[in-house]
């Protein structure tokens, strides 16, 4: 008696060979067919149960995935809100420090100071970028080269340097 679907498949192939053999007795062929049919039906039913259970689990997982995505979105919004609050508080401190002409404040717990960030290269017109500033291989802008040239006084009409104040807390 076959125990796996693979073995059942092999037995069905042998049954086909038996059915094609004119010397096989009709009763032997019928008994073999009946035995295999029962095994196949049992295996097919077992497979169908497993497939049905997997579909139910998959459906539940899809529901869970939707809940996880919603929770992810909620946490991302919460994270972004906190980052926004931090940025607004820093800008408020910078504004107050500037208004009171304080570049640096020292408290019992912290030292706060305003420091100019490294200028960032801002591309105003990507279509006007010359190949000199393109990095070979993947076509990407070489902002380091553009930045060096801009700092050295080279006039590039489609780019400029921009920096902003950043609050440092130690």
C-alpha atoms as a PDB file:
ATOM      1  CA  UNK A   1       0.000   0.000   0.000  1.00  0.00           C
ATOM      2  CA  UNK A   2       1.388   3.382  -1.021  1.00  0.00           C
ATOM      3  CA  UNK A   3       2.044   5.856   1.786  1.00  0.00           C
ATOM      4  CA  UNK A   4       2.882   8.974  -0.195  1.00  0.00           C
ATOM      5  CA  UNK A   5       1.376  10.735  -3.156  1.00  0.00           C
ATOM      6  CA  UNK A   6       4.627  10.085  -5.025  1.00  0.00           C
ATOM      7  CA  UNK A   7       4.309   6.339  -4.409  1.00  0.00           C
ATOM      8  CA  UNK A   8       0.644   6.468  -5.453  1.00  0.00           C
ATOM      9  CA  UNK A   9       1.657   8.163  -8.690  1.00  0.00           C
ATOM     10  CA  UNK A  10       4.189   5.406  -9.353  1.00  0.00           C
ATOM     11  CA  UNK A  11       1.532   2.764  -8.644  1.00  0.00           C
ATOM     12  CA  UNK A  12      -0.865   4.484 -11.063  1.00  0.00           C
ATOM     13  CA  UNK A  13       1.847   4.313 -13.721  1.00  0.00           C
ATOM     14  CA  UNK A  14       2.206   0.589 -13.044  1.00  0.00           C
ATOM     15  CA  UNK A  15      -1.590   0.265 -13.239  1.00  0.00           C
ATOM     16  CA  UNK A  16      -1.465   1.913 -16.664  1.00  0.00           C
ATOM     17  CA  UNK A  17       1.143  -0.640 -17.730  1.00  0.00           C
ATOM     18  CA  UNK A  18      -1.052  -3.442 -16.366  1.00  0.00           C
ATOM     19  CA  UNK A  19      -4.076  -2.061 -18.217  1.00  0.00           C
ATOM     20  CA  UNK A  20      -2.081  -2.076 -21.447  1.00  0.00           C
ATOM     21  CA  UNK A  21      -0.931  -5.687 -20.876  1.00  0.00           C
ATOM     22  CA  UNK A  22      -3.316  -8.096 -22.669  1.00  0.00           C
ATOM     23  CA  UNK A  23      -2.215 -11.005 -20.407  1.00  0.00           C
ATOM     24  CA  UNK A  24      -3.431  -9.414 -17.115  1.00  0.00           C
ATOM     25  CA  UNK A  25      -6.595 -10.929 -15.730  1.00  0.00           C
ATOM     26  CA  UNK A  26      -9.588  -8.622 -15.447  1.00  0.00           C
ATOM     27  CA  UNK A  27     -10.133  -9.329 -11.704  1.00  0.00           C
ATOM     28  CA  UNK A  28      -6.503  -8.481 -10.832  1.00  0.00           C
ATOM     29  CA  UNK A  29      -6.746  -5.208 -12.720  1.00  0.00           C
ATOM     30  CA  UNK A  30     -10.081  -4.307 -11.045  1.00  0.00           C
ATOM     31  CA  UNK A  31      -8.784  -5.131  -7.520  1.00  0.00           C
ATOM     32  CA  UNK A  32      -5.655  -3.032  -8.115  1.00  0.00           C
ATOM     33  CA  UNK A  33      -7.761  -0.125  -9.385  1.00  0.00           C
ATOM     34  CA  UNK A  34     -10.092  -0.292  -6.373  1.00  0.00           C
ATOM     35  CA  UNK A  35      -7.192  -0.369  -3.895  1.00  0.00           C
ATOM     36  CA  UNK A  36      -5.426   2.552  -5.542  1.00  0.00           C
ATOM     37  CA  UNK A  37      -8.625   4.593  -5.863  1.00  0.00           C
ATOM     38  CA  UNK A  38      -9.214   4.315  -2.099  1.00  0.00           C
ATOM     39  CA  UNK A  39      -5.636   5.347  -1.328  1.00  0.00           C
ATOM     40  CA  UNK A  40      -5.782   8.224  -3.783  1.00  0.00           C
ATOM     41  CA  UNK A  41      -9.121   9.477  -2.436  1.00  0.00           C
ATOM     42  CA  UNK A  42      -7.766   9.356   1.124  1.00  0.00           C
ATOM     43  CA  UNK A  43      -4.573  11.192   0.146  1.00  0.00           C
ATOM     44  CA  UNK A  44      -6.505  13.696  -1.962  1.00  0.00           C
ATOM     45  CA  UNK A  45      -8.864  14.402   0.937  1.00  0.00           C
ATOM     46  CA  UNK A  46      -5.911  14.836   3.312  1.00  0.00           C
ATOM     47  CA  UNK A  47      -4.204  17.200   0.883  1.00  0.00           C
ATOM     48  CA  UNK A  48      -7.458  19.129   0.424  1.00  0.00           C
ATOM     49  CA  UNK A  49      -7.773  19.507   4.231  1.00  0.00           C
ATOM     50  CA  UNK A  50      -4.226  20.800   4.506  1.00  0.00           C
ATOM     51  CA  UNK A  51      -4.789  23.203   1.601  1.00  0.00           C
ATOM     52  CA  UNK A  52      -8.051  24.448   3.150  1.00  0.00           C
ATOM     53  CA  UNK A  53      -6.321  24.990   6.506  1.00  0.00           C
ATOM     54  CA  UNK A  54      -3.444  26.820   4.826  1.00  0.00           C
ATOM     55  CA  UNK A  55      -5.910  29.067   3.020  1.00  0.00           C
ATOM     56  CA  UNK A  56      -7.631  29.884   6.327  1.00  0.00           C
ATOM     57  CA  UNK A  57      -4.254  30.668   7.926  1.00  0.00           C
ATOM     58  CA  UNK A  58      -3.236  32.736   4.907  1.00  0.00           C
ATOM     59  CA  UNK A  59      -6.493  34.678   5.143  1.00  0.00           C
ATOM     60  CA  UNK A  60      -5.856  35.299   8.848  1.00  0.00           C
ATOM     61  CA  UNK A  61      -2.295  36.392   8.068  1.00  0.00           C
ATOM     62  CA  UNK A  62      -3.540  38.796   5.439  1.00  0.00           C
ATOM     63  CA  UNK A  63      -5.837  40.281   8.067  1.00  0.00           C
ATOM     64  CA  UNK A  64      -2.935  40.464  10.487  1.00  0.00           C
ATOM     65  CA  UNK A  65      -0.732  42.030   7.810  1.00  0.00           C
ATOM     66  CA  UNK A  66      -3.348  44.746   7.298  1.00  0.00           C
ATOM     67  CA  UNK A  67      -3.449  45.349  11.059  1.00  0.00           C
ATOM     68  CA  UNK A  68       0.370  45.401  11.182  1.00  0.00           C
ATOM     69  CA  UNK A  69       0.466  47.887   8.291  1.00  0.00           C
ATOM     70  CA  UNK A  70      -2.053  50.136  10.052  1.00  0.00           C
ATOM     71  CA  UNK A  71      -0.017  49.951  13.264  1.00  0.00           C
ATOM     72  CA  UNK A  72       3.168  50.687  11.295  1.00  0.00           C
ATOM     73  CA  UNK A  73       1.505  53.724   9.715  1.00  0.00           C
ATOM     74  CA  UNK A  74       0.270  54.900  13.135  1.00  0.00           C
ATOM     75  CA  UNK A  75       3.736  54.522  14.686  1.00  0.00           C
ATOM     76  CA  UNK A  76       5.354  56.248  11.688  1.00  0.00           C
ATOM     77  CA  UNK A  77       2.982  59.194  12.073  1.00  0.00           C
ATOM     78  CA  UNK A  78       3.748  59.285  15.813  1.00  0.00           C
ATOM     79  CA  UNK A  79       7.505  59.185  15.069  1.00  0.00           C
ATOM     80  CA  UNK A  80       7.203  61.949  12.471  1.00  0.00           C
ATOM     81  CA  UNK A  81       5.161  64.061  14.902  1.00  0.00           C
ATOM     82  CA  UNK A  82       7.840  63.735  17.591  1.00  0.00           C
ATOM     83  CA  UNK A  83      10.591  64.607  15.084  1.00  0.00           C
ATOM     84  CA  UNK A  84       8.563  67.637  14.001  1.00  0.00           C
ATOM     85  CA  UNK A  85       8.171  68.736  17.623  1.00  0.00           C
ATOM     86  CA  UNK A  86      11.928  68.380  18.188  1.00  0.00           C
ATOM     87  CA  UNK A  87      12.670  70.437  15.052  1.00  0.00           C
ATOM     88  CA  UNK A  88      10.202  73.171  16.103  1.00  0.00           C
ATOM     89  CA  UNK A  89      11.658  73.291  19.630  1.00  0.00           C
ATOM     90  CA  UNK A  90      15.200  73.571  18.229  1.00  0.00           C
ATOM     91  CA  UNK A  91      14.152  76.372  15.857  1.00  0.00           C
ATOM     92  CA  UNK A  92      12.446  78.160  18.756  1.00  0.00           C
ATOM     93  CA  UNK A  93      15.617  77.890  20.862  1.00  0.00           C
ATOM     94  CA  UNK A  94      17.748  79.153  17.968  1.00  0.00           C
ATOM     95  CA  UNK A  95      15.358  82.095  17.521  1.00  0.00           C
ATOM     96  CA  UNK A  96      15.455  82.951  21.217  1.00  0.00           C
ATOM     97  CA  UNK A  97      19.231  82.629  21.394  1.00  0.00           C
ATOM     98  CA  UNK A  98      19.633  84.899  18.353  1.00  0.00           C
ATOM     99  CA  UNK A  99      17.142  87.423  19.720  1.00  0.00           C
ATOM    100  CA  UNK A 100      19.124  87.620  22.975  1.00  0.00           C
ATOM    101  CA  UNK A 101      22.465  87.598  21.133  1.00  0.00           C
ATOM    102  CA  UNK A 102      23.575  84.319  22.744  1.00  0.00           C
ATOM    103  CA  UNK A 103      25.587  81.984  20.516  1.00  0.00           C
ATOM    104  CA  UNK A 104      26.184  79.638  23.441  1.00  0.00           C
ATOM    105  CA  UNK A 105      24.326  78.845  26.660  1.00  0.00           C
ATOM    106  CA  UNK A 106      25.588  76.722  29.515  1.00  0.00           C
ATOM    107  CA  UNK A 107      23.165  75.237  32.032  1.00  0.00           C
ATOM    108  CA  UNK A 108      23.658  72.775  34.885  1.00  0.00           C
ATOM    109  CA  UNK A 109      22.903  69.860  32.573  1.00  0.00           C
ATOM    110  CA  UNK A 110      23.549  71.036  29.028  1.00  0.00           C
ATOM    111  CA  UNK A 111      25.672  73.250  26.850  1.00  0.00           C
ATOM    112  CA  UNK A 112      23.746  74.617  23.880  1.00  0.00           C
ATOM    113  CA  UNK A 113      25.273  76.487  20.961  1.00  0.00           C
ATOM    114  CA  UNK A 114      24.372  77.553  17.474  1.00  0.00           C
ATOM    115  CA  UNK A 115      26.635  76.111  14.813  1.00  0.00           C
ATOM    116  CA  UNK A 116      26.520  76.647  11.083  1.00  0.00           C
ATOM    117  CA  UNK A 117      26.009  73.362   9.226  1.00  0.00           C
ATOM    118  CA  UNK A 118      28.228  72.291   6.352  1.00  0.00           C
ATOM    119  CA  UNK A 119      26.781  73.854   3.205  1.00  0.00           C
ATOM    120  CA  UNK A 120      24.640  71.441   1.233  1.00  0.00           C
ATOM    121  CA  UNK A 121      24.654  71.454  -2.564  1.00  0.00           C
ATOM    122  CA  UNK A 122      21.193  72.250  -3.905  1.00  0.00           C
ATOM    123  CA  UNK A 123      20.610  71.484  -7.589  1.00  0.00           C
ATOM    124  CA  UNK A 124      18.318  74.073  -9.131  1.00  0.00           C
ATOM    125  CA  UNK A 125      18.168  72.601 -12.652  1.00  0.00           C
ATOM    126  CA  UNK A 126      19.076  68.915 -13.075  1.00  0.00           C
ATOM    127  CA  UNK A 127      18.869  69.165 -16.864  1.00  0.00           C
ATOM    128  CA  UNK A 128      21.684  71.747 -16.961  1.00  0.00           C
ATOM    129  CA  UNK A 129      24.251  69.650 -15.067  1.00  0.00           C
ATOM    130  CA  UNK A 130      27.395  69.141 -17.129  1.00  0.00           C
ATOM    131  CA  UNK A 131      29.022  65.718 -17.458  1.00  0.00           C
ATOM    132  CA  UNK A 132      31.947  66.956 -15.353  1.00  0.00           C
ATOM    133  CA  UNK A 133      29.737  66.603 -12.312  1.00  0.00           C
ATOM    134  CA  UNK A 134      28.289  63.238 -13.208  1.00  0.00           C
ATOM    135  CA  UNK A 135      29.691  60.178 -11.487  1.00  0.00           C
ATOM    136  CA  UNK A 136      30.677  57.480 -14.014  1.00  0.00           C
ATOM    137  CA  UNK A 137      28.725  54.184 -14.071  1.00  0.00           C
ATOM    138  CA  UNK A 138      25.391  55.004 -12.503  1.00  0.00           C
ATOM    139  CA  UNK A 139      24.296  58.428 -13.682  1.00  0.00           C
ATOM    140  CA  UNK A 140      24.271  60.340 -10.409  1.00  0.00           C
ATOM    141  CA  UNK A 141      25.293  63.848  -9.503  1.00  0.00           C
ATOM    142  CA  UNK A 142      28.714  64.335  -7.873  1.00  0.00           C
ATOM    143  CA  UNK A 143      27.613  66.860  -5.269  1.00  0.00           C
ATOM    144  CA  UNK A 144      31.058  66.736  -3.644  1.00  0.00           C
ATOM    145  CA  UNK A 145      32.718  68.046  -6.824  1.00  0.00           C
ATOM    146  CA  UNK A 146      29.985  70.649  -7.296  1.00  0.00           C
ATOM    147  CA  UNK A 147      30.402  71.744  -3.680  1.00  0.00           C
ATOM    148  CA  UNK A 148      34.198  72.052  -4.008  1.00  0.00           C
ATOM    149  CA  UNK A 149      33.850  74.153  -7.155  1.00  0.00           C
ATOM    150  CA  UNK A 150      31.170  76.380  -5.624  1.00  0.00           C
ATOM    151  CA  UNK A 151      33.317  76.899  -2.482  1.00  0.00           C
ATOM    152  CA  UNK A 152      36.286  77.759  -4.733  1.00  0.00           C
ATOM    153  CA  UNK A 153      34.233  80.482  -6.399  1.00  0.00           C
ATOM    154  CA  UNK A 154      33.341  78.706  -9.641  1.00  0.00           C
ATOM    155  CA  UNK A 155      30.035  80.077 -10.937  1.00  0.00           C
ATOM    156  CA  UNK A 156      27.564  77.275 -11.651  1.00  0.00           C
ATOM    157  CA  UNK A 157      24.249  78.786 -12.785  1.00  0.00           C
ATOM    158  CA  UNK A 158      22.190  75.699 -11.971  1.00  0.00           C
ATOM    159  CA  UNK A 159      23.429  75.096  -8.414  1.00  0.00           C
ATOM    160  CA  UNK A 160      24.181  76.998  -5.231  1.00  0.00           C
ATOM    161  CA  UNK A 161      25.349  76.352  -1.669  1.00  0.00           C
ATOM    162  CA  UNK A 162      22.888  76.570   1.154  1.00  0.00           C
ATOM    163  CA  UNK A 163      23.379  76.133   4.881  1.00  0.00           C
ATOM    164  CA  UNK A 164      21.283  76.664   7.951  1.00  0.00           C
ATOM    165  CA  UNK A 165      21.799  76.932  11.669  1.00  0.00           C
ATOM    166  CA  UNK A 166      21.652  73.806  13.737  1.00  0.00           C
ATOM    167  CA  UNK A 167      21.303  73.621  17.491  1.00  0.00           C
ATOM    168  CA  UNK A 168      23.929  71.451  19.198  1.00  0.00           C
ATOM    169  CA  UNK A 169      23.256  70.044  22.640  1.00  0.00           C
ATOM    170  CA  UNK A 170      25.947  68.371  24.670  1.00  0.00           C
END
